[in-house]
Amino acid sequence: MKSDLFPEYLKLAERQAALCRIFSNPQRVLILWFLAEKDRTVTEVATAIGASMQSASQHLRIMEFAGLVESRREHHNIFYHLINPELPGQLLDDIQQTPSEGFEIKSMLERIQKENQMTTLDLTNVQPAKVVDARAMSCPGPLLEAKKAIAVVKVGEVLEIWSGDSNTKNDMPRWCEKVGHEFMGTLPGEGYERLFIRRKK
């Protein structure tokens, strides 16, 4: 290696090492693949990778600081997108050049998508112990109704909240994580969201 080229190669090596450190966490690799499809909110990312809102936010902040993703605000939602849309494909090419018995990246992605679809199908079959119609309320109305209603259902039972406020979809998972209940997910209604919470304590 020529001495005058060493600084350039060193910078490239440092950049490569930084990427390796970032993607040493498999959830960040999943986020990368998930964002390759389209821009996503923190809630969507957390649901897709099976992580808490706090954990998904930390992963996204690390990736944003590294210059891999950017965020933008639309009304009350923050969306994340890839700066280099070709990066997921480049990583997939690198991984698939390494032999791995019984391991196919594309089939794994299809399996993840199928599992997400099954989650939605499972929610349609949920029988809530109580349904609260908060469609006429703006934030924080639906959240306050959820706090009151969760005290009525038994531990292990499900509460369903109907909300037409876009903030509720982000606020409810945070509240559940904070107080120790399970946020099961959402289903779309006609102009509103159906949010499912399982009482855990």
C-alpha atoms as a PDB file:
ATOM      1  CA  MET A   1       0.000   0.000   0.000  1.00  0.00           C
ATOM      2  CA  LYS A   2       1.407   3.384  -0.983  1.00  0.00           C
ATOM      3  CA  SER A   3       2.077   5.681   1.963  1.00  0.00           C
ATOM      4  CA  ASP A   4       0.292   8.638   0.338  1.00  0.00           C
ATOM      5  CA  LEU A   5      -2.887   6.550   0.021  1.00  0.00           C
ATOM      6  CA  PHE A   6      -2.826   5.265   3.600  1.00  0.00           C
ATOM      7  CA  PRO A   7      -4.979   8.070   5.148  1.00  0.00           C
ATOM      8  CA  GLU A   8      -7.687   7.474   2.535  1.00  0.00           C
ATOM      9  CA  TYR A   9      -7.686   3.725   3.156  1.00  0.00           C
ATOM     10  CA  LEU A  10      -7.684   4.301   6.904  1.00  0.00           C
ATOM     11  CA  LYS A  11     -10.808   6.463   6.684  1.00  0.00           C
ATOM     12  CA  LEU A  12     -12.501   3.806   4.576  1.00  0.00           C
ATOM     13  CA  ALA A  13     -11.517   1.101   7.084  1.00  0.00           C
ATOM     14  CA  GLU A  14     -12.812   3.173  10.001  1.00  0.00           C
ATOM     15  CA  ARG A  15     -16.106   3.709   8.211  1.00  0.00           C
ATOM     16  CA  GLN A  16     -16.402  -0.023   7.492  1.00  0.00           C
ATOM     17  CA  ALA A  17     -15.602  -0.873  11.128  1.00  0.00           C
ATOM     18  CA  ALA A  18     -18.254   1.593  12.319  1.00  0.00           C
ATOM     19  CA  LEU A  19     -20.865  -0.042  10.079  1.00  0.00           C
ATOM     20  CA  CYS A  20     -19.893  -3.465  11.413  1.00  0.00           C
ATOM     21  CA  ARG A  21     -20.403  -2.237  14.969  1.00  0.00           C
ATOM     22  CA  ILE A  22     -23.793  -0.757  14.134  1.00  0.00           C
ATOM     23  CA  PHE A  23     -25.052  -3.887  12.408  1.00  0.00           C
ATOM     24  CA  SER A  24     -23.651  -6.222  15.040  1.00  0.00           C
ATOM     25  CA  ASN A  25     -27.125  -5.815  16.538  1.00  0.00           C
ATOM     26  CA  PRO A  26     -29.574  -7.903  14.445  1.00  0.00           C
ATOM     27  CA  GLN A  27     -32.517  -5.620  15.232  1.00  0.00           C
ATOM     28  CA  ARG A  28     -30.766  -2.766  13.421  1.00  0.00           C
ATOM     29  CA  VAL A  29     -30.353  -4.998  10.383  1.00  0.00           C
ATOM     30  CA  LEU A  30     -34.090  -5.736  10.521  1.00  0.00           C
ATOM     31  CA  ILE A  31     -34.782  -1.992  10.729  1.00  0.00           C
ATOM     32  CA  LEU A  32     -32.617  -1.459   7.666  1.00  0.00           C
ATOM     33  CA  TRP A  33     -34.577  -4.022   5.653  1.00  0.00           C
ATOM     34  CA  PHE A  34     -37.904  -2.696   6.975  1.00  0.00           C
ATOM     35  CA  LEU A  35     -37.092   0.900   5.976  1.00  0.00           C
ATOM     36  CA  ALA A  36     -36.065  -0.296   2.514  1.00  0.00           C
ATOM     37  CA  GLU A  37     -39.762  -0.765   1.702  1.00  0.00           C
ATOM     38  CA  LYS A  38     -40.915   2.744   2.644  1.00  0.00           C
ATOM     39  CA  ASP A  39     -40.641   5.433   5.328  1.00  0.00           C
ATOM     40  CA  ARG A  40     -41.821   4.271   8.755  1.00  0.00           C
ATOM     41  CA  THR A  41     -42.724   5.689  12.170  1.00  0.00           C
ATOM     42  CA  VAL A  42     -41.089   4.516  15.401  1.00  0.00           C
ATOM     43  CA  THR A  43     -44.275   2.639  16.302  1.00  0.00           C
ATOM     44  CA  GLU A  44     -44.245   0.754  12.993  1.00  0.00           C
ATOM     45  CA  VAL A  45     -40.564  -0.093  13.405  1.00  0.00           C
ATOM     46  CA  ALA A  46     -41.050  -1.306  16.991  1.00  0.00           C
ATOM     47  CA  THR A  47     -43.968  -3.537  15.965  1.00  0.00           C
ATOM     48  CA  ALA A  48     -42.095  -4.969  12.969  1.00  0.00           C
ATOM     49  CA  ILE A  49     -38.943  -5.964  14.881  1.00  0.00           C
ATOM     50  CA  GLY A  50     -40.730  -7.050  18.051  1.00  0.00           C
ATOM     51  CA  ALA A  51     -39.101  -4.408  20.255  1.00  0.00           C
ATOM     52  CA  SER A  52     -40.330  -1.818  22.723  1.00  0.00           C
ATOM     53  CA  MET A  53     -40.826   1.780  21.621  1.00  0.00           C
ATOM     54  CA  GLN A  54     -37.846   2.839  23.742  1.00  0.00           C
ATOM     55  CA  SER A  55     -35.573   0.200  22.219  1.00  0.00           C
ATOM     56  CA  ALA A  56     -36.655   0.997  18.647  1.00  0.00           C
ATOM     57  CA  SER A  57     -36.092   4.717  19.271  1.00  0.00           C
ATOM     58  CA  GLN A  58     -32.578   4.053  20.568  1.00  0.00           C
ATOM     59  CA  HIS A  59     -31.709   1.950  17.514  1.00  0.00           C
ATOM     60  CA  LEU A  60     -33.015   4.663  15.176  1.00  0.00           C
ATOM     61  CA  ARG A  61     -31.071   7.391  16.995  1.00  0.00           C
ATOM     62  CA  ILE A  62     -27.862   5.380  16.652  1.00  0.00           C
ATOM     63  CA  MET A  63     -28.506   4.840  12.941  1.00  0.00           C
ATOM     64  CA  GLU A  64     -29.376   8.513  12.458  1.00  0.00           C
ATOM     65  CA  PHE A  65     -26.185   9.641  14.230  1.00  0.00           C
ATOM     66  CA  ALA A  66     -24.208   7.298  11.948  1.00  0.00           C
ATOM     67  CA  GLY A  67     -25.718   8.960   8.868  1.00  0.00           C
ATOM     68  CA  LEU A  68     -27.722   5.921   7.785  1.00  0.00           C
ATOM     69  CA  VAL A  69     -31.239   7.286   8.291  1.00  0.00           C
ATOM     70  CA  GLU A  70     -32.940  10.667   8.418  1.00  0.00           C
ATOM     71  CA  SER A  71     -36.119  11.711  10.173  1.00  0.00           C
ATOM     72  CA  ARG A  72     -38.863  14.123   9.216  1.00  0.00           C
ATOM     73  CA  ARG A  73     -41.976  15.303  11.019  1.00  0.00           C
ATOM     74  CA  GLU A  74     -45.449  15.137   9.499  1.00  0.00           C
ATOM     75  CA  HIS A  75     -48.041  16.642  11.817  1.00  0.00           C
ATOM     76  CA  HIS A  76     -47.576  14.672  15.063  1.00  0.00           C
ATOM     77  CA  ASN A  77     -45.675  11.749  13.552  1.00  0.00           C
ATOM     78  CA  ILE A  78     -41.936  11.347  12.937  1.00  0.00           C
ATOM     79  CA  PHE A  79     -40.999   9.238   9.927  1.00  0.00           C
ATOM     80  CA  TYR A  80     -37.599   7.661   9.264  1.00  0.00           C
ATOM     81  CA  HIS A  81     -36.116   6.868   5.855  1.00  0.00           C
ATOM     82  CA  LEU A  82     -32.841   5.505   4.514  1.00  0.00           C
ATOM     83  CA  ILE A  83     -30.282   7.988   3.209  1.00  0.00           C
ATOM     84  CA  ASN A  84     -28.807   5.333   0.912  1.00  0.00           C
ATOM     85  CA  PRO A  85     -31.617   3.098  -0.408  1.00  0.00           C
ATOM     86  CA  GLU A  86     -29.062   0.735  -1.955  1.00  0.00           C
ATOM     87  CA  LEU A  87     -27.437  -0.172   1.374  1.00  0.00           C
ATOM     88  CA  PRO A  88     -29.831  -3.045   2.271  1.00  0.00           C
ATOM     89  CA  GLY A  89     -29.175  -4.707  -1.075  1.00  0.00           C
ATOM     90  CA  GLN A  90     -25.427  -4.319  -0.642  1.00  0.00           C
ATOM     91  CA  LEU A  91     -25.565  -5.954   2.777  1.00  0.00           C
ATOM     92  CA  LEU A  92     -27.733  -8.771   1.471  1.00  0.00           C
ATOM     93  CA  ASP A  93     -25.245  -9.440  -1.326  1.00  0.00           C
ATOM     94  CA  ASP A  94     -22.396  -9.585   1.186  1.00  0.00           C
ATOM     95  CA  ILE A  95     -24.276 -11.958   3.492  1.00  0.00           C
ATOM     96  CA  GLN A  96     -25.461 -14.266   0.728  1.00  0.00           C
ATOM     97  CA  GLN A  97     -21.894 -14.673  -0.526  1.00  0.00           C
ATOM     98  CA  THR A  98     -21.114 -16.300   2.843  1.00  0.00           C
ATOM     99  CA  PRO A  99     -22.326 -19.922   3.002  1.00  0.00           C
ATOM    100  CA  SER A 100     -24.737 -20.614   5.835  1.00  0.00           C
ATOM    101  CA  GLU A 101     -26.450 -23.963   6.185  1.00  0.00           C
ATOM    102  CA  GLY A 102     -30.222 -23.700   5.844  1.00  0.00           C
ATOM    103  CA  PHE A 103     -30.179 -19.893   5.912  1.00  0.00           C
ATOM    104  CA  GLU A 104     -31.792 -17.826   3.168  1.00  0.00           C
ATOM    105  CA  ILE A 105     -32.150 -14.077   3.651  1.00  0.00           C
ATOM    106  CA  LYS A 106     -35.073 -13.667   1.263  1.00  0.00           C
ATOM    107  CA  SER A 107     -37.024 -16.534   2.804  1.00  0.00           C
ATOM    108  CA  MET A 108     -36.383 -15.074   6.260  1.00  0.00           C
ATOM    109  CA  LEU A 109     -37.776 -11.702   5.171  1.00  0.00           C
ATOM    110  CA  GLU A 110     -40.853 -13.429   3.776  1.00  0.00           C
ATOM    111  CA  ARG A 111     -41.263 -15.268   7.083  1.00  0.00           C
ATOM    112  CA  ILE A 112     -41.038 -12.006   9.036  1.00  0.00           C
ATOM    113  CA  GLN A 113     -43.707 -10.442   6.806  1.00  0.00           C
ATOM    114  CA  LYS A 114     -45.904 -13.524   7.238  1.00  0.00           C
ATOM    115  CA  GLU A 115     -45.550 -13.345  11.017  1.00  0.00           C
ATOM    116  CA  ASN A 116     -46.581  -9.681  10.930  1.00  0.00           C
ATOM    117  CA  GLN A 117     -49.631 -10.605   8.842  1.00  0.00           C
ATOM    118  CA  MET A 118     -50.522 -13.335  11.334  1.00  0.00           C
ATOM    119  CA  THR A 119     -50.382 -10.777  14.127  1.00  0.00           C
ATOM    120  CA  THR A 120     -52.993  -8.696  12.320  1.00  0.00           C
ATOM    121  CA  LEU A 121     -55.155 -11.761  11.701  1.00  0.00           C
ATOM    122  CA  ASP A 122     -54.888 -12.712  15.377  1.00  0.00           C
ATOM    123  CA  LEU A 123     -56.094  -9.264  16.432  1.00  0.00           C
ATOM    124  CA  THR A 124     -59.258  -9.644  14.353  1.00  0.00           C
ATOM    125  CA  ASN A 125     -60.111 -12.692  16.461  1.00  0.00           C
ATOM    126  CA  VAL A 126     -59.498 -11.002  19.819  1.00  0.00           C
ATOM    127  CA  GLN A 127     -62.555 -10.820  22.081  1.00  0.00           C
ATOM    128  CA  PRO A 128     -62.096  -7.691  24.232  1.00  0.00           C
ATOM    129  CA  ALA A 129     -63.550  -7.613  27.721  1.00  0.00           C
ATOM    130  CA  LYS A 130     -64.405  -3.943  27.214  1.00  0.00           C
ATOM    131  CA  VAL A 131     -64.625  -1.573  24.237  1.00  0.00           C
ATOM    132  CA  VAL A 132     -64.237   2.183  24.710  1.00  0.00           C
ATOM    133  CA  ASP A 133     -65.402   4.522  21.943  1.00  0.00           C
ATOM    134  CA  ALA A 134     -63.169   7.611  22.144  1.00  0.00           C
ATOM    135  CA  ARG A 135     -63.512   8.652  18.507  1.00  0.00           C
ATOM    136  CA  ALA A 136     -64.993  12.039  19.411  1.00  0.00           C
ATOM    137  CA  MET A 137     -62.042  12.887  21.663  1.00  0.00           C
ATOM    138  CA  SER A 138     -58.780  14.545  20.783  1.00  0.00           C
ATOM    139  CA  CYS A 139     -55.482  13.834  22.512  1.00  0.00           C
ATOM    140  CA  PRO A 140     -55.100  13.116  25.413  1.00  0.00           C
ATOM    141  CA  GLY A 141     -58.764  12.084  25.710  1.00  0.00           C
ATOM    142  CA  PRO A 142     -58.409   8.504  24.384  1.00  0.00           C
ATOM    143  CA  LEU A 143     -55.418   7.890  26.629  1.00  0.00           C
ATOM    144  CA  LEU A 144     -57.281   9.138  29.713  1.00  0.00           C
ATOM    145  CA  GLU A 145     -60.212   6.871  28.829  1.00  0.00           C
ATOM    146  CA  ALA A 146     -57.824   3.941  28.516  1.00  0.00           C
ATOM    147  CA  LYS A 147     -56.378   4.660  31.960  1.00  0.00           C
ATOM    148  CA  LYS A 148     -59.865   4.575  33.488  1.00  0.00           C
ATOM    149  CA  ALA A 149     -61.090   1.544  31.551  1.00  0.00           C
ATOM    150  CA  ILE A 150     -58.043  -0.659  32.199  1.00  0.00           C
ATOM    151  CA  ALA A 151     -58.930  -0.622  35.902  1.00  0.00           C
ATOM    152  CA  VAL A 152     -62.273  -2.256  35.100  1.00  0.00           C
ATOM    153  CA  VAL A 153     -61.009  -5.263  33.118  1.00  0.00           C
ATOM    154  CA  LYS A 154     -59.346  -8.207  34.846  1.00  0.00           C
ATOM    155  CA  VAL A 155     -55.652  -9.097  34.609  1.00  0.00           C
ATOM    156  CA  GLY A 156     -55.117 -10.975  31.335  1.00  0.00           C
ATOM    157  CA  GLU A 157     -58.206  -9.508  29.681  1.00  0.00           C
ATOM    158  CA  VAL A 158     -58.128  -7.181  26.670  1.00  0.00           C
ATOM    159  CA  LEU A 159     -59.286  -3.586  26.392  1.00  0.00           C
ATOM    160  CA  GLU A 160     -60.115  -2.163  22.968  1.00  0.00           C
ATOM    161  CA  ILE A 161     -59.978   1.589  22.375  1.00  0.00           C
ATOM    162  CA  TRP A 162     -61.446   3.325  19.324  1.00  0.00           C
ATOM    163  CA  SER A 163     -59.676   6.584  18.497  1.00  0.00           C
ATOM    164  CA  GLY A 164     -59.758   9.005  15.599  1.00  0.00           C
ATOM    165  CA  ASP A 165     -56.804  11.029  16.918  1.00  0.00           C
ATOM    166  CA  SER A 166     -53.538  10.173  15.125  1.00  0.00           C
ATOM    167  CA  ASN A 167     -51.516  10.855  18.292  1.00  0.00           C
ATOM    168  CA  THR A 168     -53.135   7.946  20.119  1.00  0.00           C
ATOM    169  CA  LYS A 169     -51.355   5.362  17.975  1.00  0.00           C
ATOM    170  CA  ASN A 170     -48.016   6.667  19.267  1.00  0.00           C
ATOM    171  CA  ASP A 171     -49.060   7.615  22.803  1.00  0.00           C
ATOM    172  CA  MET A 172     -50.747   4.336  23.738  1.00  0.00           C
ATOM    173  CA  PRO A 173     -47.689   2.045  23.266  1.00  0.00           C
ATOM    174  CA  ARG A 174     -45.548   4.460  25.307  1.00  0.00           C
ATOM    175  CA  TRP A 175     -48.095   4.506  28.117  1.00  0.00           C
ATOM    176  CA  CYS A 176     -48.402   0.700  28.116  1.00  0.00           C
ATOM    177  CA  GLU A 177     -44.642   0.310  28.290  1.00  0.00           C
ATOM    178  CA  LYS A 178     -44.431   2.817  31.141  1.00  0.00           C
ATOM    179  CA  VAL A 179     -47.144   1.241  33.322  1.00  0.00           C
ATOM    180  CA  GLY A 180     -46.456  -2.405  32.450  1.00  0.00           C
ATOM    181  CA  HIS A 181     -49.389  -3.417  30.258  1.00  0.00           C
ATOM    182  CA  GLU A 182     -49.111  -5.141  26.868  1.00  0.00           C
ATOM    183  CA  PHE A 183     -49.849  -3.067  23.779  1.00  0.00           C
ATOM    184  CA  MET A 184     -51.016  -5.746  21.338  1.00  0.00           C
ATOM    185  CA  GLY A 185     -51.321  -3.603  18.219  1.00  0.00           C
ATOM    186  CA  THR A 186     -53.870  -1.790  16.085  1.00  0.00           C
ATOM    187  CA  LEU A 187     -56.421  -2.516  13.410  1.00  0.00           C
ATOM    188  CA  PRO A 188     -57.760   0.112  10.985  1.00  0.00           C
ATOM    189  CA  GLY A 189     -61.387   1.134  11.277  1.00  0.00           C
ATOM    190  CA  GLU A 190     -63.321   3.439   8.978  1.00  0.00           C
ATOM    191  CA  GLY A 191     -61.609   6.723   9.777  1.00  0.00           C
ATOM    192  CA  TYR A 192     -60.300   5.588  13.147  1.00  0.00           C
ATOM    193  CA  GLU A 193     -57.906   3.138  14.797  1.00  0.00           C
ATOM    194  CA  ARG A 194     -58.778   0.149  16.964  1.00  0.00           C
ATOM    195  CA  LEU A 195     -56.106  -0.226  19.652  1.00  0.00           C
ATOM    196  CA  PHE A 196     -55.757  -3.366  21.777  1.00  0.00           C
ATOM    197  CA  ILE A 197     -54.278  -3.463  25.290  1.00  0.00           C
ATOM    198  CA  ARG A 198     -53.909  -6.502  27.541  1.00  0.00           C
ATOM    199  CA  ARG A 199     -53.914  -5.802  31.277  1.00  0.00           C
ATOM    200  CA  LYS A 200     -50.787  -7.387  32.774  1.00  0.00           C
ATOM    201  CA  LYS A 201     -51.062  -6.442  36.469  1.00  0.00           C
END
